Amino acid sequence: MKLVRLMVPKLAMAAALAAAFHVPPVLAESAALQFDPAQTKVEFTLADVLHTVHGTFALKRGDISLDWATGKATGEWVVDACSGASGSGARDRRMHENILESERYPDIVFRPEHVEGKVAPQGVSQVQLHGTFSIHGVEHEISVPVAVDARDGMYTVTASFSVPYVKWGMKNPSTLFLRVSDHVDITVHAAACAH
């Protein structure tokens, strides 16, 4: 009994020190995230000489599984190409008919293959997702920096990347008097939960 009385304060001190210097662990060995289309915004920005065009696309569905031990990533993120809207009916019609050919290629898909970095169970983490980006019927390898804010089993994800659409075979909508950039900037704000 005397030994127990002597050990309790030392164990309490050890536990307090361990808690004070505790580094939060990363998520479990693997994570499966399901994205909520209603809480996801896919924004695009296209610069031209007169002004900058802003618009959005809608997420159809998104599920991504990550294995932290191996770095393997699987799943897919599917965006509705037909949902693209910039606020101008004429411009959007040209975008869908002449550039994206949305009726022929209705899905824009990202399939992750590898993740670099780890996500902490709470707070902000930075990772890099490598995978295949399919647009206009062609697959392209890309690497996307992703910020993940974890809060009580919910994840807010922000990612930004550039799509060199002309280099990837789509038409440049420039005219004699209007010159637009040959790439479009994409920013994704998404919400996900572990499942």
N, C-alpha and C. Protein backbone atom coordinates (compact mmCIF):
# COMPACT_ATOMS: atom_id res chain seq x y z
N MET A 1 0.82 -1.19 0.00
CA MET A 1 0.00 0.00 0.00
C MET A 1 0.87 1.25 0.00
N LYS A 2 1.95 1.21 0.79
CA LYS A 2 2.86 2.34 0.84
C LYS A 2 3.48 2.59 -0.53
N LEU A 3 3.80 1.52 -1.24
CA LEU A 3 4.38 1.63 -2.57
C LEU A 3 3.39 2.30 -3.53
N VAL A 4 2.10 1.96 -3.41
CA VAL A 4 1.08 2.56 -4.27
C VAL A 4 0.99 4.05 -3.99
N ARG A 5 1.01 4.45 -2.67
CA ARG A 5 0.94 5.87 -2.33
C ARG A 5 2.13 6.64 -2.87
N LEU A 6 3.27 6.02 -2.91
CA LEU A 6 4.47 6.68 -3.44
C LEU A 6 4.42 6.79 -4.97
N MET A 7 3.84 5.80 -5.61
CA MET A 7 3.83 5.75 -7.07
C MET A 7 2.76 6.65 -7.70
N VAL A 8 1.61 6.86 -7.02
CA VAL A 8 0.51 7.63 -7.59
C VAL A 8 0.94 9.05 -7.98
N PRO A 9 1.62 9.82 -7.11
CA PRO A 9 2.03 11.16 -7.53
C PRO A 9 3.01 11.13 -8.71
N LYS A 10 3.90 10.13 -8.74
CA LYS A 10 4.85 10.04 -9.84
C LYS A 10 4.15 9.70 -11.15
N LEU A 11 3.17 8.79 -11.08
CA LEU A 11 2.40 8.45 -12.28
C LEU A 11 1.58 9.64 -12.75
N ALA A 12 1.01 10.39 -11.82
CA ALA A 12 0.23 11.57 -12.18
C ALA A 12 1.13 12.61 -12.85
N MET A 13 2.33 12.80 -12.33
CA MET A 13 3.28 13.75 -12.92
C MET A 13 3.68 13.28 -14.32
N ALA A 14 3.95 12.00 -14.48
CA ALA A 14 4.32 11.46 -15.79
C ALA A 14 3.18 11.66 -16.79
N ALA A 15 1.94 11.43 -16.35
CA ALA A 15 0.80 11.62 -17.24
C ALA A 15 0.63 13.09 -17.62
N ALA A 16 0.84 14.00 -16.67
CA ALA A 16 0.74 15.43 -16.94
C ALA A 16 1.82 15.87 -17.93
N LEU A 17 3.04 15.38 -17.76
CA LEU A 17 4.11 15.72 -18.69
C LEU A 17 3.83 15.16 -20.09
N ALA A 18 3.34 13.95 -20.13
CA ALA A 18 3.02 13.33 -21.42
C ALA A 18 1.94 14.13 -22.13
N ALA A 19 0.94 14.59 -21.38
CA ALA A 19 -0.14 15.38 -21.98
C ALA A 19 0.38 16.74 -22.45
N ALA A 20 1.26 17.35 -21.67
CA ALA A 20 1.80 18.66 -22.03
C ALA A 20 2.61 18.62 -23.31
N PHE A 21 3.32 17.53 -23.54
CA PHE A 21 4.18 17.43 -24.72
C PHE A 21 3.59 16.52 -25.80
N HIS A 22 2.31 16.26 -25.69
CA HIS A 22 1.67 15.35 -26.64
C HIS A 22 1.58 15.99 -28.02
N VAL A 23 2.01 15.28 -29.03
CA VAL A 23 1.84 15.68 -30.42
C VAL A 23 0.67 14.88 -30.96
N PRO A 24 -0.35 15.57 -31.53
CA PRO A 24 -1.50 14.81 -31.98
C PRO A 24 -1.12 13.78 -33.03
N PRO A 25 -1.65 12.58 -32.92
CA PRO A 25 -1.35 11.56 -33.91
C PRO A 25 -2.05 11.88 -35.22
N VAL A 26 -1.59 11.29 -36.28
CA VAL A 26 -2.30 11.43 -37.56
C VAL A 26 -3.53 10.56 -37.51
N LEU A 27 -4.37 10.72 -38.51
CA LEU A 27 -5.55 9.87 -38.59
C LEU A 27 -5.14 8.41 -38.53
N ALA A 28 -6.07 7.55 -38.33
CA ALA A 28 -5.80 6.12 -38.31
C ALA A 28 -5.00 5.73 -39.54
N GLU A 29 -4.54 4.49 -39.59
CA GLU A 29 -3.72 4.00 -40.71
C GLU A 29 -4.30 4.35 -42.07
N SER A 30 -5.62 4.43 -42.15
CA SER A 30 -6.25 4.79 -43.41
C SER A 30 -7.46 5.66 -43.13
N ALA A 31 -7.93 6.33 -44.16
CA ALA A 31 -9.10 7.18 -44.02
C ALA A 31 -9.93 7.06 -45.29
N ALA A 32 -11.23 7.00 -45.12
CA ALA A 32 -12.17 7.00 -46.25
C ALA A 32 -13.05 8.24 -46.07
N LEU A 33 -12.96 9.16 -47.03
CA LEU A 33 -13.70 10.41 -46.93
C LEU A 33 -14.79 10.47 -47.98
N GLN A 34 -15.98 10.88 -47.53
CA GLN A 34 -17.11 11.06 -48.43
C GLN A 34 -17.41 12.56 -48.47
N PHE A 35 -17.41 13.13 -49.69
CA PHE A 35 -17.62 14.57 -49.86
C PHE A 35 -19.09 14.87 -50.07
N ASP A 36 -19.53 15.98 -49.50
CA ASP A 36 -20.92 16.41 -49.59
C ASP A 36 -21.06 17.40 -50.74
N PRO A 37 -21.75 17.01 -51.84
CA PRO A 37 -21.92 17.93 -52.98
C PRO A 37 -22.58 19.25 -52.60
N ALA A 38 -23.51 19.22 -51.64
CA ALA A 38 -24.21 20.44 -51.25
C ALA A 38 -23.30 21.44 -50.53
N GLN A 39 -22.20 20.95 -49.95
CA GLN A 39 -21.27 21.81 -49.23
C GLN A 39 -19.94 21.96 -49.97
N THR A 40 -19.97 21.76 -51.28
CA THR A 40 -18.76 21.82 -52.08
C THR A 40 -18.92 22.87 -53.18
N LYS A 41 -17.89 23.71 -53.34
CA LYS A 41 -17.86 24.69 -54.42
C LYS A 41 -16.62 24.44 -55.26
N VAL A 42 -16.81 24.32 -56.56
CA VAL A 42 -15.69 24.24 -57.50
C VAL A 42 -15.73 25.53 -58.30
N GLU A 43 -14.77 26.41 -58.05
CA GLU A 43 -14.75 27.72 -58.68
C GLU A 43 -13.68 27.77 -59.77
N PHE A 44 -13.99 28.49 -60.85
CA PHE A 44 -12.98 28.68 -61.89
C PHE A 44 -12.79 30.17 -62.16
N THR A 45 -11.57 30.50 -62.58
CA THR A 45 -11.21 31.87 -62.91
C THR A 45 -10.45 31.85 -64.23
N LEU A 46 -10.90 32.65 -65.18
CA LEU A 46 -10.26 32.75 -66.48
C LEU A 46 -10.00 34.23 -66.76
N ALA A 47 -8.74 34.57 -66.93
CA ALA A 47 -8.37 35.98 -67.17
C ALA A 47 -8.43 36.29 -68.65
N ASP A 48 -8.87 37.51 -68.95
CA ASP A 48 -8.75 38.04 -70.31
C ASP A 48 -8.25 39.47 -70.21
N VAL A 49 -8.03 40.13 -71.34
CA VAL A 49 -7.42 41.46 -71.31
C VAL A 49 -8.33 42.53 -70.71
N LEU A 50 -9.63 42.34 -70.75
CA LEU A 50 -10.55 43.35 -70.25
C LEU A 50 -10.98 43.11 -68.80
N HIS A 51 -11.19 41.86 -68.45
CA HIS A 51 -11.63 41.54 -67.09
C HIS A 51 -11.37 40.06 -66.81
N THR A 52 -11.73 39.64 -65.63
CA THR A 52 -11.56 38.25 -65.24
C THR A 52 -12.93 37.59 -65.11
N VAL A 53 -13.06 36.43 -65.71
CA VAL A 53 -14.32 35.68 -65.66
C VAL A 53 -14.27 34.72 -64.47
N HIS A 54 -15.31 34.73 -63.66
CA HIS A 54 -15.44 33.82 -62.52
C HIS A 54 -16.66 32.94 -62.73
N GLY A 55 -16.56 31.70 -62.30
CA GLY A 55 -17.71 30.81 -62.42
C GLY A 55 -17.59 29.62 -61.50
N THR A 56 -18.57 28.74 -61.58
CA THR A 56 -18.60 27.58 -60.70
C THR A 56 -19.04 26.33 -61.47
N PHE A 57 -18.69 25.20 -60.88
CA PHE A 57 -19.17 23.89 -61.32
C PHE A 57 -19.71 23.18 -60.08
N ALA A 58 -20.59 22.19 -60.28
CA ALA A 58 -21.15 21.42 -59.17
C ALA A 58 -20.49 20.04 -59.08
N LEU A 59 -20.28 19.61 -57.85
CA LEU A 59 -19.77 18.26 -57.60
C LEU A 59 -20.92 17.27 -57.69
N LYS A 60 -20.75 16.20 -58.47
CA LYS A 60 -21.75 15.13 -58.51
C LYS A 60 -21.58 14.20 -57.32
N ARG A 61 -20.33 13.75 -57.13
CA ARG A 61 -20.04 12.82 -56.03
C ARG A 61 -18.53 12.81 -55.80
N GLY A 62 -18.16 12.41 -54.59
CA GLY A 62 -16.75 12.31 -54.28
C GLY A 62 -16.48 11.41 -53.10
N ASP A 63 -15.66 10.40 -53.32
CA ASP A 63 -15.21 9.49 -52.28
C ASP A 63 -13.72 9.24 -52.51
N ILE A 64 -12.94 9.44 -51.46
CA ILE A 64 -11.50 9.21 -51.56
C ILE A 64 -11.04 8.40 -50.35
N SER A 65 -10.26 7.35 -50.61
CA SER A 65 -9.66 6.54 -49.54
C SER A 65 -8.15 6.75 -49.57
N LEU A 66 -7.59 6.92 -48.39
CA LEU A 66 -6.15 7.19 -48.25
C LEU A 66 -5.53 6.20 -47.29
N ASP A 67 -4.40 5.62 -47.67
CA ASP A 67 -3.64 4.72 -46.81
C ASP A 67 -2.36 5.45 -46.44
N TRP A 68 -2.29 5.91 -45.18
CA TRP A 68 -1.16 6.74 -44.75
C TRP A 68 0.14 5.94 -44.72
N ALA A 69 0.08 4.66 -44.45
CA ALA A 69 1.30 3.85 -44.35
C ALA A 69 1.98 3.71 -45.71
N THR A 70 1.19 3.49 -46.76
CA THR A 70 1.77 3.26 -48.09
C THR A 70 1.71 4.49 -48.98
N GLY A 71 0.86 5.46 -48.63
CA GLY A 71 0.67 6.63 -49.48
C GLY A 71 -0.31 6.39 -50.61
N LYS A 72 -0.91 5.20 -50.67
CA LYS A 72 -1.84 4.88 -51.75
C LYS A 72 -3.15 5.64 -51.54
N ALA A 73 -3.68 6.15 -52.65
CA ALA A 73 -4.96 6.84 -52.64
C ALA A 73 -5.84 6.25 -53.74
N THR A 74 -7.12 6.10 -53.45
CA THR A 74 -8.08 5.59 -54.43
C THR A 74 -9.37 6.39 -54.34
N GLY A 75 -10.26 6.11 -55.27
CA GLY A 75 -11.56 6.79 -55.29
C GLY A 75 -11.67 7.72 -56.48
N GLU A 76 -12.68 8.57 -56.42
CA GLU A 76 -12.82 9.55 -57.49
C GLU A 76 -13.67 10.71 -57.04
N TRP A 77 -13.43 11.80 -57.69
CA TRP A 77 -14.13 13.05 -57.47
C TRP A 77 -14.74 13.42 -58.81
N VAL A 78 -16.07 13.45 -58.93
CA VAL A 78 -16.73 13.66 -60.22
C VAL A 78 -17.48 14.99 -60.21
N VAL A 79 -17.09 15.86 -61.15
CA VAL A 79 -17.70 17.18 -61.30
C VAL A 79 -18.59 17.16 -62.54
N ASP A 80 -19.75 17.78 -62.45
CA ASP A 80 -20.69 17.86 -63.55
C ASP A 80 -20.25 18.96 -64.53
N ALA A 81 -19.70 18.56 -65.67
CA ALA A 81 -19.22 19.53 -66.67
C ALA A 81 -20.36 20.41 -67.17
N CYS A 82 -21.56 19.85 -67.25
CA CYS A 82 -22.72 20.60 -67.75
C CYS A 82 -23.18 21.69 -66.79
N SER A 83 -22.74 21.64 -65.54
CA SER A 83 -23.18 22.61 -64.53
C SER A 83 -22.37 23.91 -64.57
N GLY A 84 -21.31 23.97 -65.37
CA GLY A 84 -20.47 25.16 -65.41
C GLY A 84 -21.26 26.41 -65.74
N ALA A 85 -21.10 27.44 -64.91
CA ALA A 85 -21.84 28.68 -65.11
C ALA A 85 -20.97 29.87 -64.71
N SER A 86 -20.98 30.90 -65.57
CA SER A 86 -20.19 32.10 -65.30
C SER A 86 -21.05 33.34 -65.14
N GLY A 87 -22.36 33.17 -65.28
CA GLY A 87 -23.25 34.33 -65.15
C GLY A 87 -23.62 34.97 -66.47
N SER A 88 -23.08 34.48 -67.57
CA SER A 88 -23.43 34.99 -68.90
C SER A 88 -23.91 33.82 -69.75
N GLY A 89 -25.18 33.86 -70.14
CA GLY A 89 -25.75 32.76 -70.91
C GLY A 89 -25.02 32.50 -72.21
N ALA A 90 -24.67 33.57 -72.94
CA ALA A 90 -23.98 33.42 -74.22
C ALA A 90 -22.57 32.83 -74.01
N ARG A 91 -21.86 33.32 -73.03
CA ARG A 91 -20.51 32.81 -72.75
C ARG A 91 -20.57 31.36 -72.31
N ASP A 92 -21.53 31.03 -71.45
CA ASP A 92 -21.66 29.66 -70.96
C ASP A 92 -22.03 28.70 -72.09
N ARG A 93 -22.88 29.14 -73.00
CA ARG A 93 -23.24 28.31 -74.16
C ARG A 93 -21.99 28.01 -74.99
N ARG A 94 -21.16 29.03 -75.25
CA ARG A 94 -19.91 28.82 -76.01
C ARG A 94 -18.98 27.87 -75.26
N MET A 95 -18.89 28.05 -73.93
CA MET A 95 -18.03 27.18 -73.12
C MET A 95 -18.47 25.72 -73.25
N HIS A 96 -19.78 25.47 -73.15
CA HIS A 96 -20.29 24.10 -73.19
C HIS A 96 -20.26 23.50 -74.58
N GLU A 97 -20.60 24.29 -75.59
CA GLU A 97 -20.66 23.77 -76.96
C GLU A 97 -19.30 23.67 -77.63
N ASN A 98 -18.45 24.67 -77.46
CA ASN A 98 -17.21 24.76 -78.24
C ASN A 98 -15.94 24.37 -77.50
N ILE A 99 -15.92 24.49 -76.18
CA ILE A 99 -14.67 24.24 -75.44
C ILE A 99 -14.75 22.93 -74.66
N LEU A 100 -15.67 22.85 -73.73
CA LEU A 100 -15.80 21.62 -72.93
C LEU A 100 -16.53 20.50 -73.68
N GLU A 101 -17.38 20.87 -74.62
CA GLU A 101 -18.25 19.90 -75.30
C GLU A 101 -18.93 19.02 -74.25
N SER A 102 -19.63 19.70 -73.35
CA SER A 102 -20.20 19.08 -72.15
C SER A 102 -21.18 17.94 -72.43
N GLU A 103 -21.93 18.03 -73.50
CA GLU A 103 -22.86 16.93 -73.80
C GLU A 103 -22.10 15.66 -74.16
N ARG A 104 -21.00 15.81 -74.84
CA ARG A 104 -20.18 14.66 -75.23
C ARG A 104 -19.32 14.16 -74.07
N TYR A 105 -18.83 15.09 -73.23
CA TYR A 105 -17.97 14.75 -72.09
C TYR A 105 -18.59 15.34 -70.82
N PRO A 106 -19.64 14.71 -70.27
CA PRO A 106 -20.40 15.30 -69.16
C PRO A 106 -19.69 15.29 -67.80
N ASP A 107 -18.63 14.50 -67.66
CA ASP A 107 -17.95 14.41 -66.36
C ASP A 107 -16.51 14.90 -66.45
N ILE A 108 -16.12 15.62 -65.40
CA ILE A 108 -14.72 15.98 -65.17
C ILE A 108 -14.33 15.20 -63.92
N VAL A 109 -13.31 14.35 -64.02
CA VAL A 109 -13.03 13.39 -62.94
C VAL A 109 -11.58 13.50 -62.48
N PHE A 110 -11.41 13.51 -61.15
CA PHE A 110 -10.07 13.39 -60.55
C PHE A 110 -10.02 12.06 -59.82
N ARG A 111 -9.02 11.24 -60.16
CA ARG A 111 -8.80 9.96 -59.48
C ARG A 111 -7.45 10.01 -58.80
N PRO A 112 -7.42 10.11 -57.47
CA PRO A 112 -6.14 10.15 -56.77
C PRO A 112 -5.46 8.79 -56.79
N GLU A 113 -4.14 8.81 -56.84
CA GLU A 113 -3.35 7.57 -56.83
C GLU A 113 -2.36 7.52 -55.68
N HIS A 114 -1.91 8.71 -55.24
CA HIS A 114 -0.87 8.75 -54.21
C HIS A 114 -1.03 10.04 -53.39
N VAL A 115 -0.79 9.93 -52.09
CA VAL A 115 -0.83 11.09 -51.21
C VAL A 115 0.51 11.24 -50.51
N GLU A 116 0.98 12.48 -50.44
CA GLU A 116 2.20 12.80 -49.69
C GLU A 116 1.78 13.65 -48.50
N GLY A 117 2.25 13.28 -47.32
CA GLY A 117 1.90 14.02 -46.12
C GLY A 117 0.90 13.26 -45.28
N LYS A 118 0.58 13.82 -44.15
CA LYS A 118 -0.35 13.20 -43.20
C LYS A 118 -1.37 14.23 -42.76
N VAL A 119 -2.55 13.76 -42.35
CA VAL A 119 -3.60 14.63 -41.84
C VAL A 119 -3.77 14.37 -40.35
N ALA A 120 -3.63 15.43 -39.56
CA ALA A 120 -3.84 15.32 -38.12
C ALA A 120 -5.33 15.21 -37.83
N PRO A 121 -5.70 14.56 -36.72
CA PRO A 121 -7.13 14.40 -36.41
C PRO A 121 -7.83 15.73 -36.07
N GLN A 122 -7.06 16.73 -35.68
CA GLN A 122 -7.61 18.06 -35.38
C GLN A 122 -6.67 19.11 -35.95
N GLY A 123 -7.24 20.18 -36.51
CA GLY A 123 -6.43 21.28 -37.00
C GLY A 123 -6.13 21.16 -38.49
N VAL A 124 -5.26 22.06 -38.94
CA VAL A 124 -4.95 22.17 -40.37
C VAL A 124 -3.71 21.37 -40.72
N SER A 125 -3.79 20.64 -41.82
CA SER A 125 -2.68 19.85 -42.35
C SER A 125 -2.55 20.15 -43.83
N GLN A 126 -1.35 19.97 -44.36
CA GLN A 126 -1.09 20.14 -45.79
C GLN A 126 -0.68 18.79 -46.37
N VAL A 127 -1.30 18.41 -47.48
CA VAL A 127 -0.91 17.19 -48.19
C VAL A 127 -0.83 17.50 -49.68
N GLN A 128 -0.25 16.60 -50.41
CA GLN A 128 -0.16 16.70 -51.86
C GLN A 128 -0.82 15.45 -52.44
N LEU A 129 -1.83 15.63 -53.29
CA LEU A 129 -2.50 14.50 -53.93
C LEU A 129 -2.02 14.41 -55.38
N HIS A 130 -1.55 13.24 -55.76
CA HIS A 130 -1.14 12.98 -57.13
C HIS A 130 -2.18 12.05 -57.75
N GLY A 131 -2.53 12.31 -58.99
CA GLY A 131 -3.51 11.45 -59.62
C GLY A 131 -3.76 11.81 -61.06
N THR A 132 -4.91 11.33 -61.55
CA THR A 132 -5.29 11.52 -62.94
C THR A 132 -6.51 12.44 -63.01
N PHE A 133 -6.40 13.45 -63.85
CA PHE A 133 -7.47 14.42 -64.06
C PHE A 133 -7.99 14.20 -65.47
N SER A 134 -9.26 13.81 -65.57
CA SER A 134 -9.87 13.50 -66.86
C SER A 134 -10.84 14.61 -67.24
N ILE A 135 -10.56 15.25 -68.38
CA ILE A 135 -11.42 16.32 -68.88
C ILE A 135 -11.42 16.25 -70.40
N HIS A 136 -12.58 16.48 -70.98
CA HIS A 136 -12.71 16.49 -72.44
C HIS A 136 -12.27 15.16 -73.04
N GLY A 137 -12.50 14.08 -72.29
CA GLY A 137 -12.21 12.74 -72.79
C GLY A 137 -10.76 12.30 -72.73
N VAL A 138 -9.89 13.09 -72.11
CA VAL A 138 -8.46 12.76 -72.05
C VAL A 138 -8.00 12.82 -70.59
N GLU A 139 -7.13 11.87 -70.21
CA GLU A 139 -6.58 11.84 -68.86
C GLU A 139 -5.22 12.53 -68.82
N HIS A 140 -4.98 13.27 -67.72
CA HIS A 140 -3.73 14.00 -67.52
C HIS A 140 -3.26 13.78 -66.10
N GLU A 141 -1.96 13.59 -65.91
CA GLU A 141 -1.41 13.45 -64.56
C GLU A 141 -1.26 14.83 -63.95
N ILE A 142 -1.73 14.97 -62.70
CA ILE A 142 -1.56 16.24 -61.99
C ILE A 142 -1.19 15.98 -60.54
N SER A 143 -0.69 17.02 -59.92
CA SER A 143 -0.37 17.01 -58.50
C SER A 143 -1.05 18.23 -57.90
N VAL A 144 -1.83 18.02 -56.84
CA VAL A 144 -2.65 19.08 -56.28
C VAL A 144 -2.30 19.30 -54.81
N PRO A 145 -1.89 20.52 -54.43
CA PRO A 145 -1.70 20.81 -53.02
C PRO A 145 -3.06 20.97 -52.35
N VAL A 146 -3.22 20.34 -51.18
CA VAL A 146 -4.51 20.33 -50.49
C VAL A 146 -4.32 20.72 -49.03
N ALA A 147 -5.14 21.65 -48.57
CA ALA A 147 -5.18 22.01 -47.15
C ALA A 147 -6.40 21.32 -46.55
N VAL A 148 -6.21 20.63 -45.45
CA VAL A 148 -7.30 19.89 -44.78
C VAL A 148 -7.43 20.42 -43.37
N ASP A 149 -8.62 20.88 -43.01
CA ASP A 149 -8.91 21.35 -41.66
C ASP A 149 -9.84 20.33 -41.01
N ALA A 150 -9.31 19.57 -40.04
CA ALA A 150 -10.07 18.52 -39.37
C ALA A 150 -10.66 19.04 -38.07
N ARG A 151 -11.95 18.81 -37.89
CA ARG A 151 -12.65 19.22 -36.67
C ARG A 151 -13.70 18.18 -36.32
N ASP A 152 -13.45 17.41 -35.28
CA ASP A 152 -14.44 16.46 -34.74
C ASP A 152 -15.02 15.53 -35.81
N GLY A 153 -14.16 14.93 -36.61
CA GLY A 153 -14.60 13.96 -37.61
C GLY A 153 -15.10 14.55 -38.91
N MET A 154 -15.12 15.88 -39.00
CA MET A 154 -15.51 16.57 -40.24
C MET A 154 -14.25 17.21 -40.82
N TYR A 155 -14.20 17.28 -42.14
CA TYR A 155 -13.01 17.79 -42.82
C TYR A 155 -13.40 18.85 -43.84
N THR A 156 -12.75 20.00 -43.74
CA THR A 156 -12.91 21.05 -44.74
C THR A 156 -11.66 21.03 -45.59
N VAL A 157 -11.85 20.91 -46.89
CA VAL A 157 -10.74 20.73 -47.82
C VAL A 157 -10.69 21.91 -48.78
N THR A 158 -9.49 22.46 -48.97
CA THR A 158 -9.29 23.53 -49.95
C THR A 158 -8.13 23.14 -50.85
N ALA A 159 -8.36 23.23 -52.15
CA ALA A 159 -7.32 22.88 -53.12
C ALA A 159 -7.37 23.87 -54.27
N SER A 160 -6.20 24.22 -54.80
CA SER A 160 -6.11 25.12 -55.95
C SER A 160 -5.11 24.56 -56.94
N PHE A 161 -5.46 24.63 -58.22
CA PHE A 161 -4.57 24.16 -59.27
C PHE A 161 -4.96 24.83 -60.58
N SER A 162 -4.11 24.70 -61.57
CA SER A 162 -4.33 25.32 -62.86
C SER A 162 -4.55 24.24 -63.91
N VAL A 163 -5.48 24.49 -64.83
CA VAL A 163 -5.75 23.56 -65.94
C VAL A 163 -5.31 24.25 -67.23
N PRO A 164 -4.25 23.73 -67.88
CA PRO A 164 -3.80 24.30 -69.16
C PRO A 164 -4.68 23.78 -70.31
N TYR A 165 -5.90 24.26 -70.38
CA TYR A 165 -6.90 23.65 -71.25
C TYR A 165 -6.51 23.66 -72.73
N VAL A 166 -5.80 24.69 -73.18
CA VAL A 166 -5.40 24.74 -74.59
C VAL A 166 -4.34 23.67 -74.85
N LYS A 167 -3.37 23.56 -73.96
CA LYS A 167 -2.32 22.53 -74.08
C LYS A 167 -2.94 21.14 -74.05
N TRP A 168 -4.05 21.00 -73.33
CA TRP A 168 -4.72 19.71 -73.21
C TRP A 168 -5.73 19.45 -74.33
N GLY A 169 -5.71 20.27 -75.38
CA GLY A 169 -6.51 19.97 -76.56
C GLY A 169 -7.86 20.65 -76.69
N MET A 170 -8.18 21.55 -75.78
CA MET A 170 -9.46 22.26 -75.91
C MET A 170 -9.25 23.58 -76.63
N LYS A 171 -10.31 24.09 -77.22
CA LYS A 171 -10.22 25.33 -77.99
C LYS A 171 -10.04 26.54 -77.09
N ASN A 172 -9.24 27.48 -77.57
CA ASN A 172 -9.09 28.76 -76.91
C ASN A 172 -10.20 29.67 -77.42
N PRO A 173 -11.02 30.26 -76.53
CA PRO A 173 -12.15 31.08 -76.98
C PRO A 173 -11.77 32.49 -77.41
N SER A 174 -10.47 32.77 -77.51
CA SER A 174 -10.05 34.11 -77.91
C SER A 174 -10.59 34.46 -79.30
N THR A 175 -10.84 35.75 -79.49
CA THR A 175 -11.26 36.27 -80.79
C THR A 175 -10.26 37.33 -81.21
N LEU A 176 -10.51 37.95 -82.33
CA LEU A 176 -9.61 38.99 -82.84
C LEU A 176 -9.44 40.12 -81.82
N PHE A 177 -10.52 40.48 -81.12
CA PHE A 177 -10.47 41.61 -80.20
C PHE A 177 -10.42 41.22 -78.72
N LEU A 178 -10.61 39.96 -78.44
CA LEU A 178 -10.64 39.53 -77.05
C LEU A 178 -9.68 38.37 -76.86
N ARG A 179 -8.67 38.57 -76.04
CA ARG A 179 -7.67 37.53 -75.77
C ARG A 179 -7.85 37.02 -74.35
N VAL A 180 -7.99 35.70 -74.22
CA VAL A 180 -8.12 35.11 -72.89
C VAL A 180 -6.91 34.23 -72.60
N SER A 181 -6.71 33.94 -71.36
CA SER A 181 -5.59 33.11 -70.92
C SER A 181 -5.73 31.69 -71.48
N ASP A 182 -4.60 31.01 -71.63
CA ASP A 182 -4.63 29.63 -72.13
C ASP A 182 -4.73 28.61 -71.00
N HIS A 183 -4.96 29.09 -69.78
CA HIS A 183 -5.19 28.18 -68.65
C HIS A 183 -6.31 28.76 -67.77
N VAL A 184 -6.97 27.90 -67.06
CA VAL A 184 -8.02 28.31 -66.14
C VAL A 184 -7.62 27.86 -64.74
N ASP A 185 -7.79 28.75 -63.76
CA ASP A 185 -7.45 28.44 -62.37
C ASP A 185 -8.67 27.87 -61.66
N ILE A 186 -8.46 26.78 -60.95
CA ILE A 186 -9.54 26.09 -60.24
C ILE A 186 -9.27 26.16 -58.74
N THR A 187 -10.30 26.48 -57.97
CA THR A 187 -10.23 26.43 -56.51
C THR A 187 -11.41 25.61 -56.01
N VAL A 188 -11.11 24.65 -55.16
CA VAL A 188 -12.13 23.76 -54.61
C VAL A 188 -12.25 24.01 -53.11
N HIS A 189 -13.47 24.21 -52.65
CA HIS A 189 -13.79 24.30 -51.22
C HIS A 189 -14.79 23.16 -50.98
N ALA A 190 -14.40 22.19 -50.16
CA ALA A 190 -15.26 21.02 -50.00
C ALA A 190 -15.37 20.61 -48.54
N ALA A 191 -16.46 19.92 -48.24
CA ALA A 191 -16.68 19.37 -46.90
C ALA A 191 -16.81 17.86 -47.02
N ALA A 192 -16.18 17.16 -46.09
CA ALA A 192 -16.22 15.69 -46.13
C ALA A 192 -16.34 15.15 -44.71
N CYS A 193 -16.80 13.92 -44.63
CA CYS A 193 -16.82 13.21 -43.35
C CYS A 193 -16.21 11.84 -43.54
N ALA A 194 -15.64 11.32 -42.49
CA ALA A 194 -15.06 9.98 -42.56
C ALA A 194 -16.21 8.97 -42.55
N HIS A 195 -16.03 7.92 -43.34
CA HIS A 195 -17.08 6.86 -43.34
C HIS A 195 -16.43 5.51 -43.41
